Protein backbone atom coordinates (compact mmCIF):
# COMPACT_ATOMS: atom_id res chain seq x y z
CA UNK A 1 0.00 0.00 0.00
CA UNK A 2 1.13 3.53 -0.80
CA UNK A 3 1.79 5.70 2.25
CA UNK A 4 0.11 9.10 2.23
CA UNK A 5 2.53 11.99 2.50
CA UNK A 6 2.22 14.90 4.92
CA UNK A 7 1.81 17.22 1.92
CA UNK A 8 -1.16 15.15 0.65
CA UNK A 9 -2.81 15.27 4.09
CA UNK A 10 -2.35 19.03 4.36
CA UNK A 11 -3.78 19.47 0.85
CA UNK A 12 -6.77 17.26 1.75
CA UNK A 13 -7.62 19.57 4.66
CA UNK A 14 -8.36 22.30 2.09
CA UNK A 15 -10.05 20.34 -0.73
CA UNK A 16 -13.76 21.16 -1.03
CA UNK A 17 -16.45 21.64 -3.66
CA UNK A 18 -16.65 25.15 -5.14
CA UNK A 19 -20.03 25.89 -3.53
CA UNK A 20 -18.75 25.10 0.00
CA UNK A 21 -17.08 27.89 1.99
CA UNK A 22 -13.96 27.35 4.08
CA UNK A 23 -16.12 27.84 7.20
CA UNK A 24 -18.26 24.85 6.17
CA UNK A 25 -15.31 22.44 5.86
CA UNK A 26 -14.09 20.62 8.96
CA UNK A 27 -11.03 18.37 9.07
CA UNK A 28 -10.76 17.06 12.62
CA UNK A 29 -8.24 14.93 14.44
CA UNK A 30 -9.13 12.88 17.52
CA UNK A 31 -6.37 12.18 20.00
CA UNK A 32 -5.69 9.81 22.87
CA UNK A 33 -2.75 10.83 25.06
CA UNK A 34 -1.37 13.08 22.28
CA UNK A 35 -1.56 10.29 19.69
CA UNK A 36 -3.79 10.78 16.66
CA UNK A 37 -6.31 7.91 16.63
CA UNK A 38 -8.97 9.12 14.18
CA UNK A 39 -9.61 11.69 11.44
CA UNK A 40 -12.91 13.14 10.21
CA UNK A 41 -13.41 15.14 7.00
CA UNK A 42 -16.81 16.87 7.04
CA UNK A 43 -18.68 19.32 4.82
CA UNK A 44 -21.67 21.20 6.21
CA UNK A 45 -24.61 22.06 3.94
CA UNK A 46 -23.46 19.76 1.18
CA UNK A 47 -24.82 18.69 -1.27
CA UNK A 48 -27.71 20.83 -0.01
CA UNK A 49 -28.53 23.06 2.96
CA UNK A 50 -30.10 20.26 5.03
CA UNK A 51 -27.26 17.75 4.63
CA UNK A 52 -23.75 17.19 5.99
CA UNK A 53 -21.31 15.09 3.96
CA UNK A 54 -18.67 12.87 5.54
CA UNK A 55 -15.74 12.67 3.16
CA UNK A 56 -13.68 10.50 5.49
CA UNK A 57 -13.86 8.89 8.90
CA UNK A 58 -10.71 6.89 9.53
CA UNK A 59 -9.77 5.23 12.82
CA UNK A 60 -6.25 3.96 13.54
CA UNK A 61 -6.12 0.23 12.82
CA UNK A 62 -5.03 -0.54 16.40
CA UNK A 63 -8.11 1.31 17.71
CA UNK A 64 -10.70 -0.23 15.38
CA UNK A 65 -13.51 -2.45 16.73
CA UNK A 66 -13.51 -0.55 20.04
CA UNK A 67 -16.53 1.64 19.22
CA UNK A 68 -14.49 4.80 18.61
CA UNK A 69 -15.91 5.40 15.12
CA UNK A 70 -19.46 4.99 16.41
CA UNK A 71 -18.79 7.34 19.33
CA UNK A 72 -17.42 9.98 16.94
CA UNK A 73 -20.43 9.51 14.66
CA UNK A 74 -22.88 9.84 17.57
CA UNK A 75 -21.21 13.03 18.83
CA UNK A 76 -21.17 14.38 15.27
CA UNK A 77 -24.89 13.64 14.93
CA UNK A 78 -25.64 15.70 18.04
CA UNK A 79 -23.53 18.59 16.70
CA UNK A 80 -25.36 18.47 13.35
CA UNK A 81 -28.76 18.29 15.05
CA UNK A 82 -27.93 21.55 16.86
CA UNK A 83 -27.01 23.04 13.46
CA UNK A 84 -30.55 22.10 12.28
CA UNK A 85 -29.34 19.66 9.62
CA UNK A 86 -31.62 16.72 8.82
CA UNK A 87 -29.32 14.08 7.30
CA UNK A 88 -25.77 12.85 6.85
CA UNK A 89 -24.56 11.62 3.46
CA UNK A 90 -21.40 9.72 2.56
CA UNK A 91 -19.99 7.19 0.13
CA UNK A 92 -17.75 4.15 0.33
CA UNK A 93 -16.01 2.00 -2.25
CA UNK A 94 -18.70 -0.52 -3.17
CA UNK A 95 -16.43 -3.58 -2.75
CA UNK A 96 -15.41 -2.59 0.80
CA UNK A 97 -17.35 -5.00 3.03
CA UNK A 98 -15.67 -3.50 6.10
CA UNK A 99 -16.94 0.00 5.26
CA UNK A 100 -20.37 -1.32 4.32
CA UNK A 101 -20.65 -3.17 7.64
CA UNK A 102 -19.61 -0.13 9.70
CA UNK A 103 -21.90 2.36 7.99
CA UNK A 104 -24.97 0.12 7.77
CA UNK A 105 -24.48 -0.90 11.42
CA UNK A 106 -24.68 2.82 12.21
CA UNK A 107 -27.98 3.31 10.38
CA UNK A 108 -26.88 4.39 6.91
CA UNK A 109 -28.97 3.21 3.96
CA UNK A 110 -27.66 3.05 0.39
CA UNK A 111 -29.60 5.58 -1.70
CA UNK A 112 -27.54 5.85 -4.87
CA UNK A 113 -24.39 4.79 -6.67
CA UNK A 114 -21.57 6.89 -8.07
CA UNK A 115 -18.08 6.46 -9.51
CA UNK A 116 -14.82 7.87 -8.20
CA UNK A 117 -12.55 9.03 -11.01
CA UNK A 118 -15.18 7.63 -13.40
CA UNK A 119 -14.20 4.01 -12.75
CA UNK A 120 -14.33 3.00 -9.06
CA UNK A 121 -17.91 2.11 -8.04
CA UNK A 122 -19.18 3.77 -4.86
CA UNK A 123 -22.20 3.15 -2.66
CA UNK A 124 -23.80 6.48 -1.66
CA UNK A 125 -25.64 6.29 1.66
CA UNK A 126 -27.60 8.54 4.00
CA UNK A 127 -28.88 8.57 7.55
CA UNK A 128 -31.50 10.86 9.01
CA UNK A 129 -30.42 12.93 11.99
C-alpha atoms as a PDB file:
ATOM      1  CA  UNK A   1       0.000   0.000   0.000  1.00  0.00           C
ATOM      2  CA  UNK A   2       1.129   3.525  -0.796  1.00  0.00           C
ATOM      3  CA  UNK A   3       1.789   5.704   2.252  1.00  0.00           C
ATOM      4  CA  UNK A   4       0.110   9.099   2.228  1.00  0.00           C
ATOM      5  CA  UNK A   5       2.529  11.991   2.502  1.00  0.00           C
ATOM      6  CA  UNK A   6       2.221  14.899   4.924  1.00  0.00           C
ATOM      7  CA  UNK A   7       1.806  17.223   1.922  1.00  0.00           C
ATOM      8  CA  UNK A   8      -1.163  15.151   0.651  1.00  0.00           C
ATOM      9  CA  UNK A   9      -2.812  15.268   4.087  1.00  0.00           C
ATOM     10  CA  UNK A  10      -2.347  19.034   4.360  1.00  0.00           C
ATOM     11  CA  UNK A  11      -3.781  19.471   0.854  1.00  0.00           C
ATOM     12  CA  UNK A  12      -6.775  17.264   1.754  1.00  0.00           C
ATOM     13  CA  UNK A  13      -7.624  19.566   4.657  1.00  0.00           C
ATOM     14  CA  UNK A  14      -8.355  22.299   2.094  1.00  0.00           C
ATOM     15  CA  UNK A  15     -10.049  20.342  -0.730  1.00  0.00           C
ATOM     16  CA  UNK A  16     -13.762  21.161  -1.031  1.00  0.00           C
ATOM     17  CA  UNK A  17     -16.448  21.641  -3.660  1.00  0.00           C
ATOM     18  CA  UNK A  18     -16.652  25.147  -5.143  1.00  0.00           C
ATOM     19  CA  UNK A  19     -20.027  25.891  -3.533  1.00  0.00           C
ATOM     20  CA  UNK A  20     -18.752  25.103   0.003  1.00  0.00           C
ATOM     21  CA  UNK A  21     -17.082  27.887   1.985  1.00  0.00           C
ATOM     22  CA  UNK A  22     -13.957  27.350   4.078  1.00  0.00           C
ATOM     23  CA  UNK A  23     -16.118  27.843   7.196  1.00  0.00           C
ATOM     24  CA  UNK A  24     -18.260  24.849   6.171  1.00  0.00           C
ATOM     25  CA  UNK A  25     -15.305  22.439   5.858  1.00  0.00           C
ATOM     26  CA  UNK A  26     -14.086  20.617   8.958  1.00  0.00           C
ATOM     27  CA  UNK A  27     -11.028  18.369   9.072  1.00  0.00           C
ATOM     28  CA  UNK A  28     -10.764  17.065  12.617  1.00  0.00           C
ATOM     29  CA  UNK A  29      -8.238  14.926  14.443  1.00  0.00           C
ATOM     30  CA  UNK A  30      -9.134  12.882  17.518  1.00  0.00           C
ATOM     31  CA  UNK A  31      -6.372  12.177  20.004  1.00  0.00           C
ATOM     32  CA  UNK A  32      -5.688   9.813  22.868  1.00  0.00           C
ATOM     33  CA  UNK A  33      -2.749  10.830  25.057  1.00  0.00           C
ATOM     34  CA  UNK A  34      -1.371  13.084  22.283  1.00  0.00           C
ATOM     35  CA  UNK A  35      -1.559  10.285  19.687  1.00  0.00           C
ATOM     36  CA  UNK A  36      -3.793  10.784  16.660  1.00  0.00           C
ATOM     37  CA  UNK A  37      -6.311   7.909  16.626  1.00  0.00           C
ATOM     38  CA  UNK A  38      -8.970   9.122  14.184  1.00  0.00           C
ATOM     39  CA  UNK A  39      -9.608  11.686  11.442  1.00  0.00           C
ATOM     40  CA  UNK A  40     -12.912  13.139  10.214  1.00  0.00           C
ATOM     41  CA  UNK A  41     -13.409  15.143   7.004  1.00  0.00           C
ATOM     42  CA  UNK A  42     -16.806  16.867   7.036  1.00  0.00           C
ATOM     43  CA  UNK A  43     -18.681  19.320   4.822  1.00  0.00           C
ATOM     44  CA  UNK A  44     -21.674  21.195   6.210  1.00  0.00           C
ATOM     45  CA  UNK A  45     -24.610  22.063   3.942  1.00  0.00           C
ATOM     46  CA  UNK A  46     -23.462  19.757   1.176  1.00  0.00           C
ATOM     47  CA  UNK A  47     -24.821  18.692  -1.273  1.00  0.00           C
ATOM     48  CA  UNK A  48     -27.714  20.828  -0.007  1.00  0.00           C
ATOM     49  CA  UNK A  49     -28.528  23.062   2.964  1.00  0.00           C
ATOM     50  CA  UNK A  50     -30.104  20.259   5.031  1.00  0.00           C
ATOM     51  CA  UNK A  51     -27.259  17.755   4.633  1.00  0.00           C
ATOM     52  CA  UNK A  52     -23.753  17.192   5.990  1.00  0.00           C
ATOM     53  CA  UNK A  53     -21.314  15.094   3.958  1.00  0.00           C
ATOM     54  CA  UNK A  54     -18.674  12.870   5.542  1.00  0.00           C
ATOM     55  CA  UNK A  55     -15.744  12.671   3.157  1.00  0.00           C
ATOM     56  CA  UNK A  56     -13.677  10.497   5.490  1.00  0.00           C
ATOM     57  CA  UNK A  57     -13.862   8.885   8.896  1.00  0.00           C
ATOM     58  CA  UNK A  58     -10.714   6.893   9.533  1.00  0.00           C
ATOM     59  CA  UNK A  59      -9.773   5.233  12.816  1.00  0.00           C
ATOM     60  CA  UNK A  60      -6.253   3.959  13.544  1.00  0.00           C
ATOM     61  CA  UNK A  61      -6.118   0.230  12.822  1.00  0.00           C
ATOM     62  CA  UNK A  62      -5.031  -0.542  16.399  1.00  0.00           C
ATOM     63  CA  UNK A  63      -8.114   1.313  17.706  1.00  0.00           C
ATOM     64  CA  UNK A  64     -10.701  -0.226  15.384  1.00  0.00           C
ATOM     65  CA  UNK A  65     -13.515  -2.449  16.733  1.00  0.00           C
ATOM     66  CA  UNK A  66     -13.512  -0.553  20.040  1.00  0.00           C
ATOM     67  CA  UNK A  67     -16.529   1.636  19.216  1.00  0.00           C
ATOM     68  CA  UNK A  68     -14.494   4.796  18.610  1.00  0.00           C
ATOM     69  CA  UNK A  69     -15.914   5.404  15.118  1.00  0.00           C
ATOM     70  CA  UNK A  70     -19.463   4.985  16.413  1.00  0.00           C
ATOM     71  CA  UNK A  71     -18.788   7.340  19.332  1.00  0.00           C
ATOM     72  CA  UNK A  72     -17.422   9.982  16.942  1.00  0.00           C
ATOM     73  CA  UNK A  73     -20.432   9.511  14.655  1.00  0.00           C
ATOM     74  CA  UNK A  74     -22.884   9.837  17.568  1.00  0.00           C
ATOM     75  CA  UNK A  75     -21.215  13.027  18.826  1.00  0.00           C
ATOM     76  CA  UNK A  76     -21.174  14.377  15.273  1.00  0.00           C
ATOM     77  CA  UNK A  77     -24.890  13.640  14.928  1.00  0.00           C
ATOM     78  CA  UNK A  78     -25.642  15.703  18.043  1.00  0.00           C
ATOM     79  CA  UNK A  79     -23.527  18.593  16.700  1.00  0.00           C
ATOM     80  CA  UNK A  80     -25.356  18.473  13.346  1.00  0.00           C
ATOM     81  CA  UNK A  81     -28.763  18.287  15.048  1.00  0.00           C
ATOM     82  CA  UNK A  82     -27.926  21.546  16.857  1.00  0.00           C
ATOM     83  CA  UNK A  83     -27.008  23.039  13.462  1.00  0.00           C
ATOM     84  CA  UNK A  84     -30.553  22.096  12.285  1.00  0.00           C
ATOM     85  CA  UNK A  85     -29.338  19.655   9.618  1.00  0.00           C
ATOM     86  CA  UNK A  86     -31.619  16.717   8.815  1.00  0.00           C
ATOM     87  CA  UNK A  87     -29.322  14.082   7.302  1.00  0.00           C
ATOM     88  CA  UNK A  88     -25.771  12.850   6.849  1.00  0.00           C
ATOM     89  CA  UNK A  89     -24.562  11.617   3.456  1.00  0.00           C
ATOM     90  CA  UNK A  90     -21.396   9.719   2.560  1.00  0.00           C
ATOM     91  CA  UNK A  91     -19.988   7.186   0.127  1.00  0.00           C
ATOM     92  CA  UNK A  92     -17.752   4.148   0.335  1.00  0.00           C
ATOM     93  CA  UNK A  93     -16.012   1.997  -2.248  1.00  0.00           C
ATOM     94  CA  UNK A  94     -18.696  -0.523  -3.166  1.00  0.00           C
ATOM     95  CA  UNK A  95     -16.431  -3.575  -2.751  1.00  0.00           C
ATOM     96  CA  UNK A  96     -15.406  -2.590   0.805  1.00  0.00           C
ATOM     97  CA  UNK A  97     -17.348  -4.998   3.029  1.00  0.00           C
ATOM     98  CA  UNK A  98     -15.674  -3.504   6.105  1.00  0.00           C
ATOM     99  CA  UNK A  99     -16.939   0.000   5.264  1.00  0.00           C
ATOM    100  CA  UNK A 100     -20.370  -1.321   4.316  1.00  0.00           C
ATOM    101  CA  UNK A 101     -20.650  -3.167   7.640  1.00  0.00           C
ATOM    102  CA  UNK A 102     -19.611  -0.127   9.704  1.00  0.00           C
ATOM    103  CA  UNK A 103     -21.898   2.362   7.989  1.00  0.00           C
ATOM    104  CA  UNK A 104     -24.974   0.119   7.767  1.00  0.00           C
ATOM    105  CA  UNK A 105     -24.478  -0.903  11.419  1.00  0.00           C
ATOM    106  CA  UNK A 106     -24.675   2.818  12.205  1.00  0.00           C
ATOM    107  CA  UNK A 107     -27.976   3.308  10.380  1.00  0.00           C
ATOM    108  CA  UNK A 108     -26.882   4.389   6.906  1.00  0.00           C
ATOM    109  CA  UNK A 109     -28.967   3.214   3.955  1.00  0.00           C
ATOM    110  CA  UNK A 110     -27.659   3.054   0.388  1.00  0.00           C
ATOM    111  CA  UNK A 111     -29.603   5.583  -1.702  1.00  0.00           C
ATOM    112  CA  UNK A 112     -27.539   5.851  -4.872  1.00  0.00           C
ATOM    113  CA  UNK A 113     -24.388   4.791  -6.672  1.00  0.00           C
ATOM    114  CA  UNK A 114     -21.570   6.887  -8.073  1.00  0.00           C
ATOM    115  CA  UNK A 115     -18.077   6.460  -9.514  1.00  0.00           C
ATOM    116  CA  UNK A 116     -14.822   7.874  -8.202  1.00  0.00           C
ATOM    117  CA  UNK A 117     -12.552   9.035 -11.014  1.00  0.00           C
ATOM    118  CA  UNK A 118     -15.175   7.633 -13.398  1.00  0.00           C
ATOM    119  CA  UNK A 119     -14.198   4.006 -12.748  1.00  0.00           C
ATOM    120  CA  UNK A 120     -14.329   3.003  -9.059  1.00  0.00           C
ATOM    121  CA  UNK A 121     -17.909   2.110  -8.035  1.00  0.00           C
ATOM    122  CA  UNK A 122     -19.181   3.770  -4.863  1.00  0.00           C
ATOM    123  CA  UNK A 123     -22.200   3.152  -2.662  1.00  0.00           C
ATOM    124  CA  UNK A 124     -23.797   6.484  -1.656  1.00  0.00           C
ATOM    125  CA  UNK A 125     -25.641   6.290   1.659  1.00  0.00           C
ATOM    126  CA  UNK A 126     -27.604   8.536   4.001  1.00  0.00           C
ATOM    127  CA  UNK A 127     -28.878   8.570   7.552  1.00  0.00           C
ATOM    128  CA  UNK A 128     -31.503  10.857   9.010  1.00  0.00           C
ATOM    129  CA  UNK A 129     -30.420  12.927  11.993  1.00  0.00           C
END
